[in-house]
Amino acid sequence: MRRSIVDAITRDPQMTVCGQAEDVPAALAAITTLRPDLVVTDIELKDSSGLDLIKTLRTQSPALPIVAASMFELTRTNELARQAGATEFIAKQHGPKKLIALLHQVLQIRLQPDPQ
């Protein structure tokens, strides 16, 4: 599944995949080093939970947009992801086009100047 997400992002000329990880420790290390504009995480990670990643990132980088994805128990998982601090949630069943559209939307919101 990660490969299909990476392929979809790579095909978009306005986005670049700067890193990948299969668990929370590897993701945190990559994010610290690579400083991405946005993080996409699956709720189901190898030997860990994307919810833990989201919670940790929220404390370390409160402004970093995080998009959570899952294919299981969508209503409950969406709620849990948002409670953990995810900016947005998407069901994997929606496919790559909706994912890319959501990523563009999240990045545009982040890039808009603060009205204050």
Protein backbone atom coordinates (compact mmCIF):
# COMPACT_ATOMS: atom_id res chain seq x y z
CA MET A 1 0.00 0.00 0.00
CA ARG A 2 2.84 2.39 0.79
CA ARG A 3 4.22 1.86 -2.71
CA SER A 4 0.93 2.93 -4.30
CA ILE A 5 0.83 6.09 -2.17
CA VAL A 6 4.44 6.89 -3.06
CA ASP A 7 3.73 6.26 -6.75
CA ALA A 8 0.71 8.58 -6.67
CA ILE A 9 2.67 11.37 -5.00
CA THR A 10 5.65 10.89 -7.30
CA ARG A 11 3.43 11.27 -10.38
CA ASP A 12 2.29 14.68 -9.16
CA PRO A 13 4.75 17.30 -10.49
CA GLN A 14 4.12 19.60 -7.51
CA MET A 15 5.07 17.07 -4.85
CA THR A 16 8.11 15.06 -3.86
CA VAL A 17 8.44 12.10 -1.54
CA CYS A 18 11.40 12.96 0.65
CA GLY A 19 11.35 9.87 2.87
CA GLN A 20 9.62 6.70 3.96
CA ALA A 21 9.50 4.68 7.16
CA GLU A 22 7.79 1.53 8.35
CA ASP A 23 7.55 2.27 12.07
CA VAL A 24 7.41 5.16 14.54
CA PRO A 25 11.14 5.33 15.44
CA ALA A 26 12.21 5.33 11.79
CA ALA A 27 9.53 7.90 10.91
CA LEU A 28 10.55 10.24 13.72
CA ALA A 29 14.21 10.00 12.70
CA ALA A 30 13.40 10.67 9.03
CA ILE A 31 11.08 13.57 9.85
CA THR A 32 13.69 15.18 12.11
CA THR A 33 16.34 14.89 9.40
CA LEU A 34 14.26 15.63 6.29
CA ARG A 35 11.87 18.27 7.70
CA PRO A 36 8.97 17.57 5.31
CA ASP A 37 6.16 20.02 4.57
CA LEU A 38 3.60 17.31 5.28
CA VAL A 39 3.48 13.79 6.73
CA VAL A 40 1.26 10.99 5.46
CA THR A 41 0.97 8.08 7.85
CA ASP A 42 -0.92 4.86 7.87
CA ILE A 43 -2.65 4.06 11.13
CA GLU A 44 -1.24 0.53 10.90
CA LEU A 45 2.57 0.64 11.02
CA LYS A 46 5.01 -2.23 11.43
CA ASP A 47 5.28 -3.00 15.15
CA SER A 48 3.65 0.31 16.10
CA SER A 49 0.70 2.62 15.58
CA GLY A 50 0.37 5.66 13.38
CA LEU A 51 -1.66 7.17 16.24
CA ASP A 52 1.49 7.13 18.40
CA LEU A 53 3.40 8.83 15.59
CA ILE A 54 0.73 11.50 15.26
CA LYS A 55 0.68 12.20 19.00
CA THR A 56 4.47 12.48 19.15
CA LEU A 57 4.64 14.73 16.09
CA ARG A 58 1.94 16.99 17.52
CA THR A 59 4.11 17.64 20.58
CA GLN A 60 7.35 18.02 18.59
CA SER A 61 6.02 19.90 15.56
CA PRO A 62 2.58 21.35 16.31
CA ALA A 63 2.23 23.10 12.94
CA LEU A 64 3.28 20.13 10.78
CA PRO A 65 0.31 18.91 8.70
CA ILE A 66 -0.37 15.20 9.19
CA VAL A 67 -2.66 13.15 6.96
CA ALA A 68 -3.66 9.78 8.41
CA ALA A 69 -4.87 6.91 6.25
CA SER A 70 -6.50 3.60 7.01
CA MET A 71 -8.77 0.96 5.58
CA PHE A 72 -10.16 -0.38 8.87
CA GLU A 73 -13.09 0.81 11.02
CA LEU A 74 -13.16 4.10 9.18
CA THR A 75 -15.51 6.12 11.37
CA ARG A 76 -13.79 5.17 14.61
CA THR A 77 -10.29 5.38 13.13
CA ASN A 78 -11.02 8.84 11.71
CA GLU A 79 -12.13 9.95 15.17
CA LEU A 80 -9.04 8.47 16.83
CA ALA A 81 -6.71 10.02 14.25
CA ARG A 82 -8.20 13.46 14.75
CA GLN A 83 -8.08 13.10 18.54
CA ALA A 84 -4.40 12.22 18.22
CA GLY A 85 -3.84 15.41 16.21
CA ALA A 86 -4.13 14.46 12.54
CA THR A 87 -4.89 17.40 10.27
CA GLU A 88 -6.95 15.21 7.94
CA PHE A 89 -7.96 11.58 7.54
CA ILE A 90 -8.58 9.61 4.36
CA ALA A 91 -9.84 6.13 3.76
CA LYS A 92 -7.48 4.21 1.51
CA GLN A 93 -10.49 3.00 -0.45
CA HIS A 94 -10.91 6.52 -1.84
CA GLY A 95 -7.87 5.91 -4.02
CA PRO A 96 -4.87 7.93 -5.13
CA LYS A 97 -6.71 10.78 -6.89
CA LYS A 98 -8.60 11.75 -3.75
CA LEU A 99 -5.43 11.38 -1.68
CA ILE A 100 -3.51 13.74 -3.96
CA ALA A 101 -6.38 16.24 -3.94
CA LEU A 102 -6.46 16.12 -0.14
CA LEU A 103 -2.68 16.62 0.09
CA HIS A 104 -2.93 19.67 -2.17
CA GLN A 105 -5.76 21.02 -0.03
CA VAL A 106 -3.80 20.55 3.19
CA LEU A 107 -0.68 22.15 1.73
CA GLN A 108 -2.67 25.13 0.39
CA ILE A 109 -4.22 25.70 3.80
CA ARG A 110 -0.76 25.63 5.37
CA LEU A 111 0.71 28.00 2.79
CA GLN A 112 -1.99 30.66 3.19
CA PRO A 113 -0.82 33.58 5.30
CA ASP A 114 -2.13 33.94 8.83
CA PRO A 115 -4.96 36.53 8.77
CA GLN A 116 -3.70 38.18 11.98
